[in-house]
Amino acid sequence: GLIWCPAAGCGRALEVKDGEAEDMHCECGYSFCRKCNRHAHSPLPCALVSKWEGLVINTDKLTAAERKAHKRKLELQAKMRK
């Protein structure tokens, strides 16, 4: 099947073959997990990365740059769902 690269402004489709690794590498240079669309995180499972992100986002110690990056990530995820 095909999967779309989630990188901002990319729009490339990548072919996914059975048994292929979860981490995908697009020609645009972006690497991502084909299951959860986060940055490539192998060998960590998606659930653990999600839990970690929840812990990081729920802390008041985020820098302005981290908050901006998280906001941008949420915007991209919303865009991908459309």
N, C-alpha and C. Protein backbone atom coordinates (compact mmCIF):
# COMPACT_ATOMS: atom_id res chain seq x y z
N GLY A 1 0.80 -1.18 0.00
CA GLY A 1 0.00 0.00 0.00
C GLY A 1 0.86 1.26 0.00
N LEU A 2 0.21 2.37 0.01
CA LEU A 2 0.90 3.66 0.02
C LEU A 2 0.67 4.38 1.33
N ILE A 3 1.65 5.18 1.73
CA ILE A 3 1.55 6.02 2.91
C ILE A 3 2.14 7.38 2.55
N TRP A 4 1.53 8.43 3.07
CA TRP A 4 1.99 9.78 2.76
C TRP A 4 3.03 10.23 3.78
N CYS A 5 4.04 10.90 3.30
CA CYS A 5 5.05 11.46 4.19
C CYS A 5 4.41 12.59 4.99
N PRO A 6 4.55 12.57 6.32
CA PRO A 6 3.93 13.60 7.15
C PRO A 6 4.74 14.90 7.27
N ALA A 7 5.88 14.98 6.60
CA ALA A 7 6.70 16.19 6.70
C ALA A 7 5.97 17.37 6.07
N ALA A 8 6.09 18.51 6.71
CA ALA A 8 5.44 19.73 6.21
C ALA A 8 5.92 20.04 4.80
N GLY A 9 4.97 20.20 3.89
CA GLY A 9 5.27 20.58 2.52
C GLY A 9 5.79 19.47 1.64
N CYS A 10 5.86 18.23 2.11
CA CYS A 10 6.42 17.15 1.30
C CYS A 10 5.40 16.63 0.29
N GLY A 11 4.39 15.92 0.77
CA GLY A 11 3.35 15.40 -0.11
C GLY A 11 3.72 14.16 -0.91
N ARG A 12 4.88 13.56 -0.64
CA ARG A 12 5.28 12.35 -1.37
C ARG A 12 4.57 11.12 -0.79
N ALA A 13 4.30 10.16 -1.66
CA ALA A 13 3.74 8.89 -1.24
C ALA A 13 4.87 7.86 -1.23
N LEU A 14 4.90 7.05 -0.19
CA LEU A 14 5.90 6.00 -0.08
C LEU A 14 5.20 4.66 -0.13
N GLU A 15 5.81 3.71 -0.82
CA GLU A 15 5.23 2.37 -0.91
C GLU A 15 5.64 1.56 0.32
N VAL A 16 4.67 0.92 0.94
CA VAL A 16 4.91 0.08 2.11
C VAL A 16 4.68 -1.36 1.69
N LYS A 17 5.69 -2.19 1.96
CA LYS A 17 5.60 -3.61 1.63
C LYS A 17 5.43 -4.42 2.91
N ASP A 18 4.76 -5.55 2.80
CA ASP A 18 4.57 -6.43 3.97
C ASP A 18 5.92 -6.79 4.57
N GLY A 19 5.99 -6.76 5.88
CA GLY A 19 7.20 -7.14 6.58
C GLY A 19 8.26 -6.06 6.62
N GLU A 20 7.97 -4.91 6.03
CA GLU A 20 8.93 -3.81 6.02
C GLU A 20 9.02 -3.17 7.41
N ALA A 21 10.16 -2.61 7.72
CA ALA A 21 10.36 -1.95 9.01
C ALA A 21 9.33 -0.84 9.22
N GLU A 22 9.08 -0.50 10.47
CA GLU A 22 8.11 0.55 10.78
C GLU A 22 8.64 1.94 10.45
N ASP A 23 9.95 2.14 10.56
CA ASP A 23 10.52 3.44 10.25
C ASP A 23 10.63 3.61 8.73
N MET A 24 10.09 4.71 8.25
CA MET A 24 10.11 5.02 6.83
C MET A 24 11.07 6.19 6.60
N HIS A 25 11.70 6.21 5.44
CA HIS A 25 12.65 7.27 5.11
C HIS A 25 12.26 7.85 3.76
N CYS A 26 11.79 9.08 3.77
CA CYS A 26 11.32 9.74 2.57
C CYS A 26 12.49 10.41 1.84
N GLU A 27 12.31 10.61 0.53
CA GLU A 27 13.33 11.29 -0.28
C GLU A 27 13.55 12.72 0.18
N CYS A 28 12.57 13.30 0.87
CA CYS A 28 12.71 14.68 1.36
C CYS A 28 13.68 14.77 2.53
N GLY A 29 14.07 13.60 3.08
CA GLY A 29 15.00 13.58 4.19
C GLY A 29 14.35 13.31 5.54
N TYR A 30 13.02 13.27 5.56
CA TYR A 30 12.30 13.05 6.81
C TYR A 30 12.16 11.55 7.08
N SER A 31 12.40 11.13 8.31
CA SER A 31 12.21 9.74 8.73
C SER A 31 11.10 9.71 9.76
N PHE A 32 10.18 8.78 9.60
CA PHE A 32 9.02 8.70 10.48
C PHE A 32 8.56 7.27 10.66
N CYS A 33 7.76 7.07 11.71
CA CYS A 33 7.17 5.76 11.98
C CYS A 33 5.89 5.64 11.16
N ARG A 34 5.75 4.57 10.42
CA ARG A 34 4.57 4.42 9.56
C ARG A 34 3.31 4.06 10.35
N LYS A 35 3.48 3.63 11.61
CA LYS A 35 2.31 3.31 12.43
C LYS A 35 1.70 4.53 13.11
N CYS A 36 2.56 5.45 13.62
CA CYS A 36 2.03 6.56 14.40
C CYS A 36 2.36 7.94 13.81
N ASN A 37 3.13 7.99 12.72
CA ASN A 37 3.52 9.23 12.04
C ASN A 37 4.41 10.15 12.87
N ARG A 38 4.93 9.67 14.00
CA ARG A 38 5.91 10.46 14.75
C ARG A 38 7.27 10.33 14.05
N HIS A 39 8.24 11.13 14.53
CA HIS A 39 9.60 10.94 14.05
C HIS A 39 9.97 9.48 14.26
N ALA A 40 10.85 8.96 13.42
CA ALA A 40 11.30 7.58 13.56
C ALA A 40 11.79 7.34 14.98
N HIS A 41 11.33 6.25 15.60
CA HIS A 41 11.68 6.01 16.99
C HIS A 41 12.06 4.57 17.28
N SER A 42 12.38 3.82 16.25
CA SER A 42 12.79 2.43 16.44
C SER A 42 14.05 2.40 17.30
N PRO A 43 14.17 1.52 18.24
CA PRO A 43 13.37 0.32 18.51
C PRO A 43 12.27 0.53 19.54
N LEU A 44 11.99 1.76 19.94
CA LEU A 44 10.94 1.99 20.94
C LEU A 44 9.56 1.79 20.32
N PRO A 45 8.64 1.12 21.03
CA PRO A 45 7.28 0.95 20.52
C PRO A 45 6.51 2.28 20.59
N CYS A 46 5.55 2.43 19.72
CA CYS A 46 4.74 3.65 19.64
C CYS A 46 4.12 4.01 21.00
N ALA A 47 3.61 3.01 21.72
CA ALA A 47 2.94 3.26 23.00
C ALA A 47 3.90 3.90 24.00
N LEU A 48 5.14 3.47 24.02
CA LEU A 48 6.11 4.04 24.95
C LEU A 48 6.45 5.48 24.57
N VAL A 49 6.59 5.74 23.28
CA VAL A 49 6.88 7.09 22.81
C VAL A 49 5.71 8.01 23.15
N SER A 50 4.50 7.52 22.96
CA SER A 50 3.30 8.30 23.28
C SER A 50 3.25 8.63 24.77
N LYS A 51 3.57 7.65 25.60
CA LYS A 51 3.57 7.87 27.04
C LYS A 51 4.62 8.91 27.40
N TRP A 52 5.81 8.80 26.82
CA TRP A 52 6.88 9.75 27.09
C TRP A 52 6.47 11.16 26.68
N GLU A 53 5.88 11.29 25.48
CA GLU A 53 5.43 12.60 25.03
C GLU A 53 4.40 13.18 25.98
N GLY A 54 3.52 12.36 26.50
CA GLY A 54 2.53 12.82 27.47
C GLY A 54 3.18 13.35 28.73
N LEU A 55 4.24 12.68 29.16
CA LEU A 55 4.95 13.14 30.35
C LEU A 55 5.66 14.46 30.09
N VAL A 56 6.25 14.58 28.92
CA VAL A 56 6.98 15.81 28.58
C VAL A 56 6.02 16.98 28.41
N ILE A 57 4.91 16.75 27.72
CA ILE A 57 3.97 17.83 27.43
C ILE A 57 3.27 18.30 28.71
N ASN A 58 3.11 17.41 29.66
CA ASN A 58 2.40 17.77 30.89
C ASN A 58 3.27 18.44 31.93
N THR A 59 4.49 18.74 31.59
CA THR A 59 5.35 19.41 32.55
C THR A 59 5.38 20.91 32.26
N ASP A 60 5.59 21.69 33.29
CA ASP A 60 5.66 23.14 33.14
C ASP A 60 7.06 23.60 32.76
N LYS A 61 7.97 22.67 32.55
CA LYS A 61 9.35 23.02 32.30
C LYS A 61 9.70 23.08 30.81
N LEU A 62 8.72 23.10 29.96
CA LEU A 62 8.99 23.19 28.53
C LEU A 62 9.54 24.57 28.17
N THR A 63 10.52 24.56 27.30
CA THR A 63 11.05 25.83 26.81
C THR A 63 10.12 26.38 25.76
N ALA A 64 10.29 27.63 25.41
CA ALA A 64 9.46 28.24 24.37
C ALA A 64 9.62 27.48 23.06
N ALA A 65 10.83 27.06 22.74
CA ALA A 65 11.07 26.32 21.50
C ALA A 65 10.35 24.97 21.51
N GLU A 66 10.35 24.29 22.66
CA GLU A 66 9.65 23.01 22.77
C GLU A 66 8.14 23.19 22.62
N ARG A 67 7.61 24.25 23.23
CA ARG A 67 6.17 24.52 23.10
C ARG A 67 5.80 24.80 21.65
N LYS A 68 6.64 25.58 20.97
CA LYS A 68 6.40 25.90 19.56
C LYS A 68 6.46 24.64 18.71
N ALA A 69 7.45 23.78 18.97
CA ALA A 69 7.59 22.53 18.23
C ALA A 69 6.38 21.63 18.46
N HIS A 70 5.91 21.55 19.70
CA HIS A 70 4.75 20.71 20.00
C HIS A 70 3.50 21.25 19.32
N LYS A 71 3.32 22.56 19.35
CA LYS A 71 2.17 23.17 18.68
C LYS A 71 2.20 22.86 17.18
N ARG A 72 3.38 22.98 16.57
CA ARG A 72 3.53 22.69 15.14
C ARG A 72 3.22 21.22 14.85
N LYS A 73 3.66 20.33 15.73
CA LYS A 73 3.39 18.91 15.55
C LYS A 73 1.88 18.64 15.58
N LEU A 74 1.19 19.24 16.54
CA LEU A 74 -0.26 19.05 16.63
C LEU A 74 -0.97 19.58 15.39
N GLU A 75 -0.49 20.71 14.87
CA GLU A 75 -1.08 21.27 13.64
C GLU A 75 -0.87 20.33 12.47
N LEU A 76 0.32 19.75 12.36
CA LEU A 76 0.60 18.82 11.26
C LEU A 76 -0.24 17.56 11.39
N GLN A 77 -0.39 17.06 12.61
CA GLN A 77 -1.20 15.86 12.81
C GLN A 77 -2.65 16.13 12.42
N ALA A 78 -3.17 17.29 12.77
CA ALA A 78 -4.54 17.64 12.42
C ALA A 78 -4.68 17.74 10.91
N LYS A 79 -3.68 18.29 10.26
CA LYS A 79 -3.69 18.44 8.80
C LYS A 79 -3.70 17.06 8.13
N MET A 80 -2.93 16.11 8.70
CA MET A 80 -2.84 14.78 8.12
C MET A 80 -4.16 14.02 8.24
N ARG A 81 -4.92 14.31 9.27
CA ARG A 81 -6.20 13.61 9.48
C ARG A 81 -7.27 14.05 8.50
N LYS A 82 -7.08 15.20 7.86
CA LYS A 82 -8.10 15.73 6.92
C LYS A 82 -8.13 14.96 5.65
